[in-house]
Amino acid sequence: MGLNDKAGVFPYQQVCDTLQRLRPCPVVSIVGSDILCKDCSGSKNTTQLSPTTGGTWRSNNPSVATVNKSGLVTARSAGTVTFTFTDSFSHCEVETEPVTVKSQPTPDVRIQMRK
């Protein structure tokens, strides 16, 4: 088998397995709201993911919401999106629960005329 001590396992995979035992996959969470409003201003169109350091974040649907390197999510269009954090040390990837982006509700305004 050469460098492998397990049949069919490459040394790289053994290193990855060892790193994950030494440093388990991080726990990811949505710190703010999991429902965002795309047309709203202020904090209603953003939320924060955790962790904020130690790896990289990516969106599975950047047209719905983007995420920066610190885990700040910004709504772009209506839909559902998840985010994946890749740990810099172990290269472990962990996905968040879904975040929903909604359009700003249109007020239901009814005008009644009196005779």
PDB file of N, CA and C in Angstrom:
ATOM      1  N   MET A   1       0.806  -1.190   0.000  1.00  0.00           N
ATOM      2  CA  MET A   1       0.000   0.000   0.000  1.00  0.00           C
ATOM      3  C   MET A   1       0.857   1.265   0.000  1.00  0.00           C
ATOM      4  N   GLY A   2       2.089   1.206   0.311  1.00  0.00           N
ATOM      5  CA  GLY A   2       2.942   2.389   0.286  1.00  0.00           C
ATOM      6  C   GLY A   2       2.692   3.294   1.478  1.00  0.00           C
ATOM      7  N   LEU A   3       2.343   4.555   1.224  1.00  0.00           N
ATOM      8  CA  LEU A   3       2.162   5.541   2.280  1.00  0.00           C
ATOM      9  C   LEU A   3       0.850   5.382   3.036  1.00  0.00           C
ATOM     10  N   ASN A   4      -0.069   4.633   2.491  1.00  0.00           N
ATOM     11  CA  ASN A   4      -1.374   4.475   3.131  1.00  0.00           C
ATOM     12  C   ASN A   4      -1.314   3.421   4.215  1.00  0.00           C
ATOM     13  N   ASP A   5      -1.888   3.704   5.379  1.00  0.00           N
ATOM     14  CA  ASP A   5      -1.990   2.665   6.399  1.00  0.00           C
ATOM     15  C   ASP A   5      -3.390   2.070   6.441  1.00  0.00           C
ATOM     16  N   LYS A   6      -4.309   2.639   5.677  1.00  0.00           N
ATOM     17  CA  LYS A   6      -5.656   2.078   5.513  1.00  0.00           C
ATOM     18  C   LYS A   6      -5.877   1.873   4.023  1.00  0.00           C
ATOM     19  N   ALA A   7      -6.474   0.770   3.683  1.00  0.00           N
ATOM     20  CA  ALA A   7      -6.725   0.474   2.271  1.00  0.00           C
ATOM     21  C   ALA A   7      -7.653   1.514   1.669  1.00  0.00           C
ATOM     22  N   GLY A   8      -7.250   2.091   0.540  1.00  0.00           N
ATOM     23  CA  GLY A   8      -8.104   3.007  -0.194  1.00  0.00           C
ATOM     24  C   GLY A   8      -8.197   4.414   0.372  1.00  0.00           C
ATOM     25  N   VAL A   9      -7.425   4.763   1.406  1.00  0.00           N
ATOM     26  CA  VAL A   9      -7.476   6.102   1.983  1.00  0.00           C
ATOM     27  C   VAL A   9      -6.166   6.810   1.680  1.00  0.00           C
ATOM     28  N   PHE A  10      -6.265   7.967   1.064  1.00  0.00           N
ATOM     29  CA  PHE A  10      -5.078   8.732   0.722  1.00  0.00           C
ATOM     30  C   PHE A  10      -4.545   9.447   1.960  1.00  0.00           C
ATOM     31  N   PRO A  11      -3.252   9.698   2.025  1.00  0.00           N
ATOM     32  CA  PRO A  11      -2.692  10.402   3.186  1.00  0.00           C
ATOM     33  C   PRO A  11      -3.377  11.744   3.443  1.00  0.00           C
ATOM     34  N   TYR A  12      -3.773  12.464   2.378  1.00  0.00           N
ATOM     35  CA  TYR A  12      -4.447  13.752   2.555  1.00  0.00           C
ATOM     36  C   TYR A  12      -5.728  13.574   3.363  1.00  0.00           C
ATOM     37  N   GLN A  13      -6.501  12.550   3.050  1.00  0.00           N
ATOM     38  CA  GLN A  13      -7.745  12.301   3.786  1.00  0.00           C
ATOM     39  C   GLN A  13      -7.438  11.967   5.239  1.00  0.00           C
ATOM     40  N   GLN A  14      -6.364  11.252   5.496  1.00  0.00           N
ATOM     41  CA  GLN A  14      -5.981  10.932   6.871  1.00  0.00           C
ATOM     42  C   GLN A  14      -5.634  12.208   7.633  1.00  0.00           C
ATOM     43  N   VAL A  15      -4.945  13.135   6.969  1.00  0.00           N
ATOM     44  CA  VAL A  15      -4.610  14.413   7.593  1.00  0.00           C
ATOM     45  C   VAL A  15      -5.888  15.184   7.906  1.00  0.00           C
ATOM     46  N   CYS A  16      -6.829  15.223   6.964  1.00  0.00           N
ATOM     47  CA  CYS A  16      -8.105  15.912   7.195  1.00  0.00           C
ATOM     48  C   CYS A  16      -8.853  15.300   8.368  1.00  0.00           C
ATOM     49  N   ASP A  17      -8.896  13.975   8.423  1.00  0.00           N
ATOM     50  CA  ASP A  17      -9.579  13.298   9.528  1.00  0.00           C
ATOM     51  C   ASP A  17      -8.927  13.650  10.866  1.00  0.00           C
ATOM     52  N   THR A  18      -7.605  13.682  10.898  1.00  0.00           N
ATOM     53  CA  THR A  18      -6.873  14.022  12.122  1.00  0.00           C
ATOM     54  C   THR A  18      -7.153  15.456  12.533  1.00  0.00           C
ATOM     55  N   LEU A  19      -7.134  16.398  11.571  1.00  0.00           N
ATOM     56  CA  LEU A  19      -7.412  17.798  11.885  1.00  0.00           C
ATOM     57  C   LEU A  19      -8.812  17.967  12.457  1.00  0.00           C
ATOM     58  N   GLN A  20      -9.781  17.250  11.920  1.00  0.00           N
ATOM     59  CA  GLN A  20     -11.149  17.375  12.408  1.00  0.00           C
ATOM     60  C   GLN A  20     -11.289  16.792  13.813  1.00  0.00           C
ATOM     61  N   ARG A  21     -10.475  15.783  14.149  1.00  0.00           N
ATOM     62  CA  ARG A  21     -10.507  15.269  15.514  1.00  0.00           C
ATOM     63  C   ARG A  21      -9.869  16.268  16.474  1.00  0.00           C
ATOM     64  N   LEU A  22      -8.791  16.932  16.036  1.00  0.00           N
ATOM     65  CA  LEU A  22      -8.101  17.906  16.878  1.00  0.00           C
ATOM     66  C   LEU A  22      -8.919  19.182  17.044  1.00  0.00           C
ATOM     67  N   ARG A  23      -9.565  19.590  16.001  1.00  0.00           N
ATOM     68  CA  ARG A  23     -10.396  20.810  16.034  1.00  0.00           C
ATOM     69  C   ARG A  23     -11.708  20.491  15.332  1.00  0.00           C
ATOM     70  N   PRO A  24     -12.740  20.174  16.097  1.00  0.00           N
ATOM     71  CA  PRO A  24     -14.016  19.805  15.486  1.00  0.00           C
ATOM     72  C   PRO A  24     -14.593  20.937  14.638  1.00  0.00           C
ATOM     73  N   CYS A  25     -15.537  20.569  13.808  1.00  0.00           N
ATOM     74  CA  CYS A  25     -16.203  21.563  12.970  1.00  0.00           C
ATOM     75  C   CYS A  25     -16.824  22.643  13.851  1.00  0.00           C
ATOM     76  N   PRO A  26     -16.763  23.907  13.389  1.00  0.00           N
ATOM     77  CA  PRO A  26     -17.360  24.981  14.180  1.00  0.00           C
ATOM     78  C   PRO A  26     -18.876  24.890  14.193  1.00  0.00           C
ATOM     79  N   VAL A  27     -19.453  25.503  15.200  1.00  0.00           N
ATOM     80  CA  VAL A  27     -20.901  25.619  15.278  1.00  0.00           C
ATOM     81  C   VAL A  27     -21.268  26.934  14.605  1.00  0.00           C
ATOM     82  N   VAL A  28     -22.183  26.888  13.657  1.00  0.00           N
ATOM     83  CA  VAL A  28     -22.625  28.112  12.985  1.00  0.00           C
ATOM     84  C   VAL A  28     -24.030  28.448  13.448  1.00  0.00           C
ATOM     85  N   SER A  29     -24.320  29.740  13.453  1.00  0.00           N
ATOM     86  CA  SER A  29     -25.659  30.154  13.864  1.00  0.00           C
ATOM     87  C   SER A  29     -26.023  31.486  13.215  1.00  0.00           C
ATOM     88  N   ILE A  30     -27.322  31.733  13.163  1.00  0.00           N
ATOM     89  CA  ILE A  30     -27.848  33.011  12.706  1.00  0.00           C
ATOM     90  C   ILE A  30     -28.110  33.806  13.980  1.00  0.00           C
ATOM     91  N   VAL A  31     -27.308  34.851  14.210  1.00  0.00           N
ATOM     92  CA  VAL A  31     -27.390  35.621  15.441  1.00  0.00           C
ATOM     93  C   VAL A  31     -28.609  36.535  15.429  1.00  0.00           C
ATOM     94  N   GLY A  32     -28.909  37.112  14.271  1.00  0.00           N
ATOM     95  CA  GLY A  32     -30.072  38.000  14.144  1.00  0.00           C
ATOM     96  C   GLY A  32     -31.284  37.245  13.638  1.00  0.00           C
ATOM     97  N   SER A  33     -32.116  37.962  12.930  1.00  0.00           N
ATOM     98  CA  SER A  33     -33.350  37.382  12.398  1.00  0.00           C
ATOM     99  C   SER A  33     -33.065  36.465  11.215  1.00  0.00           C
ATOM    100  N   ASP A  34     -33.880  35.424  11.060  1.00  0.00           N
ATOM    101  CA  ASP A  34     -33.761  34.549   9.894  1.00  0.00           C
ATOM    102  C   ASP A  34     -34.782  34.921   8.810  1.00  0.00           C
ATOM    103  N   ILE A  35     -35.490  36.054   9.021  1.00  0.00           N
ATOM    104  CA  ILE A  35     -36.399  36.599   8.013  1.00  0.00           C
ATOM    105  C   ILE A  35     -35.984  38.046   7.749  1.00  0.00           C
ATOM    106  N   LEU A  36     -35.640  38.336   6.493  1.00  0.00           N
ATOM    107  CA  LEU A  36     -35.192  39.670   6.113  1.00  0.00           C
ATOM    108  C   LEU A  36     -36.172  40.292   5.135  1.00  0.00           C
ATOM    109  N   CYS A  37     -36.089  41.607   5.001  1.00  0.00           N
ATOM    110  CA  CYS A  37     -36.938  42.368   4.094  1.00  0.00           C
ATOM    111  C   CYS A  37     -36.043  43.053   3.074  1.00  0.00           C
ATOM    112  N   LYS A  38     -36.219  42.733   1.795  1.00  0.00           N
ATOM    113  CA  LYS A  38     -35.305  43.241   0.770  1.00  0.00           C
ATOM    114  C   LYS A  38     -35.446  44.731   0.516  1.00  0.00           C
ATOM    115  N   ASP A  39     -36.614  45.301   0.685  1.00  0.00           N
ATOM    116  CA  ASP A  39     -36.832  46.711   0.382  1.00  0.00           C
ATOM    117  C   ASP A  39     -36.840  47.592   1.622  1.00  0.00           C
ATOM    118  N   CYS A  40     -36.558  47.018   2.763  1.00  0.00           N
ATOM    119  CA  CYS A  40     -36.573  47.781   4.004  1.00  0.00           C
ATOM    120  C   CYS A  40     -35.190  48.371   4.256  1.00  0.00           C
ATOM    121  N   SER A  41     -35.154  49.418   5.043  1.00  0.00           N
ATOM    122  CA  SER A  41     -33.865  50.025   5.375  1.00  0.00           C
ATOM    123  C   SER A  41     -33.451  49.603   6.783  1.00  0.00           C
ATOM    124  N   GLY A  42     -32.206  49.886   7.109  1.00  0.00           N
ATOM    125  CA  GLY A  42     -31.710  49.604   8.451  1.00  0.00           C
ATOM    126  C   GLY A  42     -31.497  48.130   8.698  1.00  0.00           C
ATOM    127  N   SER A  43     -31.729  47.725   9.930  1.00  0.00           N
ATOM    128  CA  SER A  43     -31.414  46.358  10.340  1.00  0.00           C
ATOM    129  C   SER A  43     -32.385  45.310   9.805  1.00  0.00           C
ATOM    130  N   LYS A  44     -33.492  45.718   9.188  1.00  0.00           N
ATOM    131  CA  LYS A  44     -34.451  44.734   8.680  1.00  0.00           C
ATOM    132  C   LYS A  44     -33.966  44.038   7.411  1.00  0.00           C
ATOM    133  N   ASN A  45     -32.940  44.609   6.744  1.00  0.00           N
ATOM    134  CA  ASN A  45     -32.451  43.952   5.530  1.00  0.00           C
ATOM    135  C   ASN A  45     -31.085  43.299   5.736  1.00  0.00           C
ATOM    136  N   THR A  46     -30.629  43.215   7.000  1.00  0.00           N
ATOM    137  CA  THR A  46     -29.365  42.531   7.297  1.00  0.00           C
ATOM    138  C   THR A  46     -29.537  41.625   8.505  1.00  0.00           C
ATOM    139  N   THR A  47     -28.644  40.658   8.616  1.00  0.00           N
ATOM    140  CA  THR A  47     -28.561  39.811   9.806  1.00  0.00           C
ATOM    141  C   THR A  47     -27.108  39.393   9.955  1.00  0.00           C
ATOM    142  N   GLN A  48     -26.771  38.847  11.107  1.00  0.00           N
ATOM    143  CA  GLN A  48     -25.391  38.470  11.393  1.00  0.00           C
ATOM    144  C   GLN A  48     -25.289  36.961  11.576  1.00  0.00           C
ATOM    145  N   LEU A  49     -24.238  36.384  10.994  1.00  0.00           N
ATOM    146  CA  LEU A  49     -23.944  34.966  11.174  1.00  0.00           C
ATOM    147  C   LEU A  49     -22.759  34.822  12.123  1.00  0.00           C
ATOM    148  N   SER A  50     -22.673  33.695  12.772  1.00  0.00           N
ATOM    149  CA  SER A  50     -21.550  33.392  13.655  1.00  0.00           C
ATOM    150  C   SER A  50     -20.992  32.034  13.255  1.00  0.00           C
ATOM    151  N   PRO A  51     -19.662  31.898  13.236  1.00  0.00           N
ATOM    152  CA  PRO A  51     -18.621  32.783  13.747  1.00  0.00           C
ATOM    153  C   PRO A  51     -18.303  33.922  12.772  1.00  0.00           C
ATOM    154  N   THR A  52     -17.649  34.950  13.305  1.00  0.00           N
ATOM    155  CA  THR A  52     -17.302  36.116  12.496  1.00  0.00           C
ATOM    156  C   THR A  52     -15.845  36.091  12.041  1.00  0.00           C
ATOM    157  N   THR A  53     -15.059  35.153  12.557  1.00  0.00           N
ATOM    158  CA  THR A  53     -13.649  35.012  12.165  1.00  0.00           C
ATOM    159  C   THR A  53     -13.295  33.537  12.096  1.00  0.00           C
ATOM    160  N   GLY A  54     -12.113  33.256  11.549  1.00  0.00           N
ATOM    161  CA  GLY A  54     -11.606  31.882  11.537  1.00  0.00           C
ATOM    162  C   GLY A  54     -11.957  31.080  10.306  1.00  0.00           C
ATOM    163  N   GLY A  55     -12.508  31.736   9.300  1.00  0.00           N
ATOM    164  CA  GLY A  55     -12.866  31.022   8.082  1.00  0.00           C
ATOM    165  C   GLY A  55     -13.517  31.957   7.090  1.00  0.00           C
ATOM    166  N   THR A  56     -14.181  31.362   6.110  1.00  0.00           N
ATOM    167  CA  THR A  56     -14.843  32.148   5.071  1.00  0.00           C
ATOM    168  C   THR A  56     -16.308  31.743   4.962  1.00  0.00           C
ATOM    169  N   TRP A  57     -17.133  32.725   4.633  1.00  0.00           N
ATOM    170  CA  TRP A  57     -18.555  32.506   4.410  1.00  0.00           C
ATOM    171  C   TRP A  57     -18.857  32.584   2.922  1.00  0.00           C
ATOM    172  N   ARG A  58     -19.860  31.824   2.474  1.00  0.00           N
ATOM    173  CA  ARG A  58     -20.356  31.974   1.106  1.00  0.00           C
ATOM    174  C   ARG A  58     -21.859  31.703   1.100  1.00  0.00           C
ATOM    175  N   SER A  59     -22.523  32.370   0.164  1.00  0.00           N
ATOM    176  CA  SER A  59     -23.968  32.249  -0.006  1.00  0.00           C
ATOM    177  C   SER A  59     -24.241  31.197  -1.073  1.00  0.00           C
ATOM    178  N   ASN A  60     -25.277  30.380  -0.880  1.00  0.00           N
ATOM    179  CA  ASN A  60     -25.637  29.418  -1.924  1.00  0.00           C
ATOM    180  C   ASN A  60     -26.504  30.071  -2.996  1.00  0.00           C
ATOM    181  N   ASN A  61     -26.915  31.337  -2.755  1.00  0.00           N
ATOM    182  CA  ASN A  61     -27.737  32.050  -3.728  1.00  0.00           C
ATOM    183  C   ASN A  61     -27.513  33.557  -3.577  1.00  0.00           C
ATOM    184  N   PRO A  62     -26.379  34.083  -4.100  1.00  0.00           N
ATOM    185  CA  PRO A  62     -26.052  35.494  -3.927  1.00  0.00           C
ATOM    186  C   PRO A  62     -27.066  36.456  -4.530  1.00  0.00           C
ATOM    187  N   SER A  63     -27.925  35.990  -5.429  1.00  0.00           N
ATOM    188  CA  SER A  63     -28.950  36.890  -5.959  1.00  0.00           C
ATOM    189  C   SER A  63     -30.035  37.161  -4.905  1.00  0.00           C
ATOM    190  N   VAL A  64     -30.177  36.279  -3.924  1.00  0.00           N
ATOM    191  CA  VAL A  64     -31.148  36.472  -2.842  1.00  0.00           C
ATOM    192  C   VAL A  64     -30.515  37.221  -1.673  1.00  0.00           C
ATOM    193  N   ALA A  65     -29.298  36.811  -1.266  1.00  0.00           N
ATOM    194  CA  ALA A  65     -28.604  37.492  -0.169  1.00  0.00           C
ATOM    195  C   ALA A  65     -27.111  37.216  -0.278  1.00  0.00           C
ATOM    196  N   THR A  66     -26.326  38.235   0.059  1.00  0.00           N
ATOM    197  CA  THR A  66     -24.870  38.104   0.062  1.00  0.00           C
ATOM    198  C   THR A  66     -24.383  38.074   1.503  1.00  0.00           C
ATOM    199  N   VAL A  67     -23.144  37.602   1.680  1.00  0.00           N
ATOM    200  CA  VAL A  67     -22.529  37.572   3.010  1.00  0.00           C
ATOM    201  C   VAL A  67     -21.090  38.044   2.870  1.00  0.00           C
ATOM    202  N   ASN A  68     -20.638  38.883   3.809  1.00  0.00           N
ATOM    203  CA  ASN A  68     -19.250  39.344   3.751  1.00  0.00           C
ATOM    204  C   ASN A  68     -18.360  38.461   4.619  1.00  0.00           C
ATOM    205  N   LYS A  69     -17.070  38.774   4.672  1.00  0.00           N
ATOM    206  CA  LYS A  69     -16.121  37.911   5.384  1.00  0.00           C
ATOM    207  C   LYS A  69     -16.367  37.873   6.888  1.00  0.00           C
ATOM    208  N   SER A  70     -17.097  38.854   7.417  1.00  0.00           N
ATOM    209  CA  SER A  70     -17.415  38.885   8.844  1.00  0.00           C
ATOM    210  C   SER A  70     -18.768  38.264   9.171  1.00  0.00           C
ATOM    211  N   GLY A  71     -19.435  37.707   8.155  1.00  0.00           N
ATOM    212  CA  GLY A  71     -20.715  37.049   8.381  1.00  0.00           C
ATOM    213  C   GLY A  71     -21.919  37.959   8.346  1.00  0.00           C
ATOM    214  N   LEU A  72     -21.753  39.194   7.851  1.00  0.00           N
ATOM    215  CA  LEU A  72     -22.904  40.100   7.737  1.00  0.00           C
ATOM    216  C   LEU A  72     -23.655  39.791   6.452  1.00  0.00           C
ATOM    217  N   VAL A  73     -24.934  39.464   6.593  1.00  0.00           N
ATOM    218  CA  VAL A  73     -25.794  39.090   5.470  1.00  0.00           C
ATOM    219  C   VAL A  73     -26.603  40.311   5.044  1.00  0.00           C
ATOM    220  N   THR A  74     -26.688  40.525   3.728  1.00  0.00           N
ATOM    221  CA  THR A  74     -27.494  41.619   3.184  1.00  0.00           C
ATOM    222  C   THR A  74     -28.496  41.066   2.181  1.00  0.00           C
ATOM    223  N   ALA A  75     -29.770  41.386   2.384  1.00  0.00           N
ATOM    224  CA  ALA A  75     -30.846  40.928   1.497  1.00  0.00           C
ATOM    225  C   ALA A  75     -30.732  41.603   0.137  1.00  0.00           C
ATOM    226  N   ARG A  76     -31.004  40.842  -0.945  1.00  0.00           N
ATOM    227  CA  ARG A  76     -30.965  41.378  -2.310  1.00  0.00           C
ATOM    228  C   ARG A  76     -32.305  41.226  -3.035  1.00  0.00           C
ATOM    229  N   SER A  77     -32.920  40.049  -2.921  1.00  0.00           N
ATOM    230  CA  SER A  77     -34.203  39.812  -3.583  1.00  0.00           C
ATOM    231  C   SER A  77     -34.956  38.731  -2.809  1.00  0.00           C
ATOM    232  N   ALA A  78     -36.248  38.637  -3.061  1.00  0.00           N
ATOM    233  CA  ALA A  78     -37.072  37.667  -2.344  1.00  0.00           C
ATOM    234  C   ALA A  78     -36.639  36.240  -2.667  1.00  0.00           C
ATOM    235  N   GLY A  79     -36.655  35.393  -1.644  1.00  0.00           N
ATOM    236  CA  GLY A  79     -36.286  33.991  -1.827  1.00  0.00           C
ATOM    237  C   GLY A  79     -35.740  33.402  -0.537  1.00  0.00           C
ATOM    238  N   THR A  80     -35.169  32.216  -0.668  1.00  0.00           N
ATOM    239  CA  THR A  80     -34.573  31.512   0.473  1.00  0.00           C
ATOM    240  C   THR A  80     -33.121  31.214   0.153  1.00  0.00           C
ATOM    241  N   VAL A  81     -32.269  31.313   1.172  1.00  0.00           N
ATOM    242  CA  VAL A  81     -30.836  31.152   0.974  1.00  0.00           C
ATOM    243  C   VAL A  81     -30.216  30.499   2.209  1.00  0.00           C
ATOM    244  N   THR A  82     -29.154  29.744   2.006  1.00  0.00           N
ATOM    245  CA  THR A  82     -28.357  29.232   3.119  1.00  0.00           C
ATOM    246  C   THR A  82     -26.927  29.721   2.927  1.00  0.00           C
ATOM    247  N   PHE A  83     -26.160  29.632   3.992  1.00  0.00           N
ATOM    248  CA  PHE A  83     -24.775  30.091   3.970  1.00  0.00           C
ATOM    249  C   PHE A  83     -23.880  28.989   4.497  1.00  0.00           C
ATOM    250  N   THR A  84     -22.695  28.870   3.901  1.00  0.00           N
ATOM    251  CA  THR A  84     -21.740  27.849   4.305  1.00  0.00           C
ATOM    252  C   THR A  84     -20.494  28.516   4.853  1.00  0.00           C
ATOM    253  N   PHE A  85     -20.058  28.057   6.027  1.00  0.00           N
ATOM    254  CA  PHE A  85     -18.821  28.533   6.643  1.00  0.00           C
ATOM    255  C   PHE A  85     -17.762  27.455   6.455  1.00  0.00           C
ATOM    256  N   THR A  86     -16.596  27.842   5.931  1.00  0.00           N
ATOM    257  CA  THR A  86     -15.466  26.925   5.784  1.00  0.00           C
ATOM    258  C   THR A  86     -14.397  27.330   6.782  1.00  0.00           C
ATOM    259  N   ASP A  87     -14.102  26.449   7.721  1.00  0.00           N
ATOM    260  CA  ASP A  87     -13.099  26.707   8.745  1.00  0.00           C
ATOM    261  C   ASP A  87     -11.708  26.735   8.117  1.00  0.00           C
ATOM    262  N   SER A  88     -10.927  27.765   8.414  1.00  0.00           N
ATOM    263  CA  SER A  88      -9.597  27.928   7.818  1.00  0.00           C
ATOM    264  C   SER A  88      -8.626  26.842   8.244  1.00  0.00           C
ATOM    265  N   PHE A  89      -8.777  26.325   9.454  1.00  0.00           N
ATOM    266  CA  PHE A  89      -7.830  25.340   9.977  1.00  0.00           C
ATOM    267  C   PHE A  89      -8.173  23.922   9.527  1.00  0.00           C
ATOM    268  N   SER A  90      -9.403  23.512   9.776  1.00  0.00           N
ATOM    269  CA  SER A  90      -9.788  22.120   9.491  1.00  0.00           C
ATOM    270  C   SER A  90     -10.395  21.939   8.105  1.00  0.00           C
ATOM    271  N   HIS A  91     -10.758  23.045   7.443  1.00  0.00           N
ATOM    272  CA  HIS A  91     -11.440  23.038   6.140  1.00  0.00           C
ATOM    273  C   HIS A  91     -12.808  22.381   6.216  1.00  0.00           C
ATOM    274  N   CYS A  92     -13.324  22.248   7.420  1.00  0.00           N
ATOM    275  CA  CYS A  92     -14.651  21.695   7.635  1.00  0.00           C
ATOM    276  C   CYS A  92     -15.685  22.714   7.143  1.00  0.00           C
ATOM    277  N   GLU A  93     -16.711  22.246   6.440  1.00  0.00           N
ATOM    278  CA  GLU A  93     -17.777  23.114   5.943  1.00  0.00           C
ATOM    279  C   GLU A  93     -19.064  22.833   6.697  1.00  0.00           C
ATOM    280  N   VAL A  94     -19.701  23.910   7.173  1.00  0.00           N
ATOM    281  CA  VAL A  94     -20.941  23.794   7.932  1.00  0.00           C
ATOM    282  C   VAL A  94     -21.949  24.777   7.353  1.00  0.00           C
ATOM    283  N   GLU A  95     -23.190  24.310   7.167  1.00  0.00           N
ATOM    284  CA  GLU A  95     -24.237  25.135   6.552  1.00  0.00           C
ATOM    285  C   GLU A  95     -25.223  25.632   7.607  1.00  0.00           C
ATOM    286  N   THR A  96     -25.709  26.857   7.403  1.00  0.00           N
ATOM    287  CA  THR A  96     -26.713  27.427   8.306  1.00  0.00           C
ATOM    288  C   THR A  96     -28.100  26.889   7.981  1.00  0.00           C
ATOM    289  N   GLU A  97     -29.017  27.187   8.861  1.00  0.00           N
ATOM    290  CA  GLU A  97     -30.435  26.994   8.572  1.00  0.00           C
ATOM    291  C   GLU A  97     -30.815  28.016   7.492  1.00  0.00           C
ATOM    292  N   PRO A  98     -31.923  27.831   6.800  1.00  0.00           N
ATOM    293  CA  PRO A  98     -32.322  28.787   5.758  1.00  0.00           C
ATOM    294  C   PRO A  98     -32.664  30.177   6.310  1.00  0.00           C
ATOM    295  N   VAL A  99     -32.360  31.182   5.502  1.00  0.00           N
ATOM    296  CA  VAL A  99     -32.765  32.561   5.757  1.00  0.00           C
ATOM    297  C   VAL A  99     -33.759  32.913   4.660  1.00  0.00           C
ATOM    298  N   THR A 100     -34.878  33.527   5.035  1.00  0.00           N
ATOM    299  CA  THR A 100     -35.907  33.916   4.079  1.00  0.00           C
ATOM    300  C   THR A 100     -35.857  35.422   3.861  1.00  0.00           C
ATOM    301  N   VAL A 101     -35.857  35.814   2.600  1.00  0.00           N
ATOM    302  CA  VAL A 101     -35.918  37.236   2.246  1.00  0.00           C
ATOM    303  C   VAL A 101     -37.275  37.483   1.618  1.00  0.00           C
ATOM    304  N   LYS A 102     -37.988  38.465   2.170  1.00  0.00           N
ATOM    305  CA  LYS A 102     -39.313  38.818   1.657  1.00  0.00           C
ATOM    306  C   LYS A 102     -39.278  40.232   1.101  1.00  0.00           C
ATOM    307  N   SER A 103     -40.211  40.514   0.202  1.00  0.00           N
ATOM    308  CA  SER A 103     -40.385  41.879  -0.284  1.00  0.00           C
ATOM    309  C   SER A 103     -41.074  42.683   0.803  1.00  0.00           C
ATOM    310  N   GLN A 104     -40.863  43.988   0.777  1.00  0.00           N
ATOM    311  CA  GLN A 104     -41.525  44.847   1.745  1.00  0.00           C
ATOM    312  C   GLN A 104     -43.025  44.754   1.520  1.00  0.00           C
ATOM    313  N   PRO A 105     -43.794  44.537   2.575  1.00  0.00           N
ATOM    314  CA  PRO A 105     -45.241  44.435   2.393  1.00  0.00           C
ATOM    315  C   PRO A 105     -45.841  45.744   1.902  1.00  0.00           C
ATOM    316  N   THR A 106     -46.810  45.616   1.040  1.00  0.00           N
ATOM    317  CA  THR A 106     -47.533  46.783   0.544  1.00  0.00           C
ATOM    318  C   THR A 106     -48.699  47.039   1.485  1.00  0.00           C
ATOM    319  N   PRO A 107     -48.788  48.240   2.000  1.00  0.00           N
ATOM    320  CA  PRO A 107     -49.902  48.525   2.915  1.00  0.00           C
ATOM    321  C   PRO A 107     -51.248  48.362   2.211  1.00  0.00           C
ATOM    322  N   ASP A 108     -52.199  47.831   2.917  1.00  0.00           N
ATOM    323  CA  ASP A 108     -53.553  47.673   2.397  1.00  0.00           C
ATOM    324  C   ASP A 108     -54.341  48.912   2.802  1.00  0.00           C
ATOM    325  N   VAL A 109     -54.401  49.859   1.901  1.00  0.00           N
ATOM    326  CA  VAL A 109     -55.071  51.127   2.178  1.00  0.00           C
ATOM    327  C   VAL A 109     -56.410  51.134   1.457  1.00  0.00           C
ATOM    328  N   ARG A 110     -57.452  51.329   2.228  1.00  0.00           N
ATOM    329  CA  ARG A 110     -58.792  51.408   1.643  1.00  0.00           C
ATOM    330  C   ARG A 110     -59.400  52.751   2.016  1.00  0.00           C
ATOM    331  N   ILE A 111     -59.906  53.383   1.042  1.00  0.00           N
ATOM    332  CA  ILE A 111     -60.540  54.690   1.268  1.00  0.00           C
ATOM    333  C   ILE A 111     -62.043  54.524   1.073  1.00  0.00           C
ATOM    334  N   GLN A 112     -62.764  54.942   2.080  1.00  0.00           N
ATOM    335  CA  GLN A 112     -64.220  54.887   1.986  1.00  0.00           C
ATOM    336  C   GLN A 112     -64.727  56.310   1.849  1.00  0.00           C
ATOM    337  N   MET A 113     -65.601  56.475   0.941  1.00  0.00           N
ATOM    338  CA  MET A 113     -66.194  57.791   0.717  1.00  0.00           C
ATOM    339  C   MET A 113     -67.552  57.823   1.395  1.00  0.00           C
ATOM    340  N   ARG A 114     -67.808  58.879   2.101  1.00  0.00           N
ATOM    341  CA  ARG A 114     -69.113  59.035   2.763  1.00  0.00           C
ATOM    342  C   ARG A 114     -69.988  59.921   1.906  1.00  0.00           C
ATOM    343  N   LYS A 115     -71.225  59.567   1.886  1.00  0.00           N
ATOM    344  CA  LYS A 115     -72.187  60.351   1.101  1.00  0.00           C
ATOM    345  C   LYS A 115     -72.864  61.370   1.949  1.00  0.00           C
TER     346      LYS A 115
END
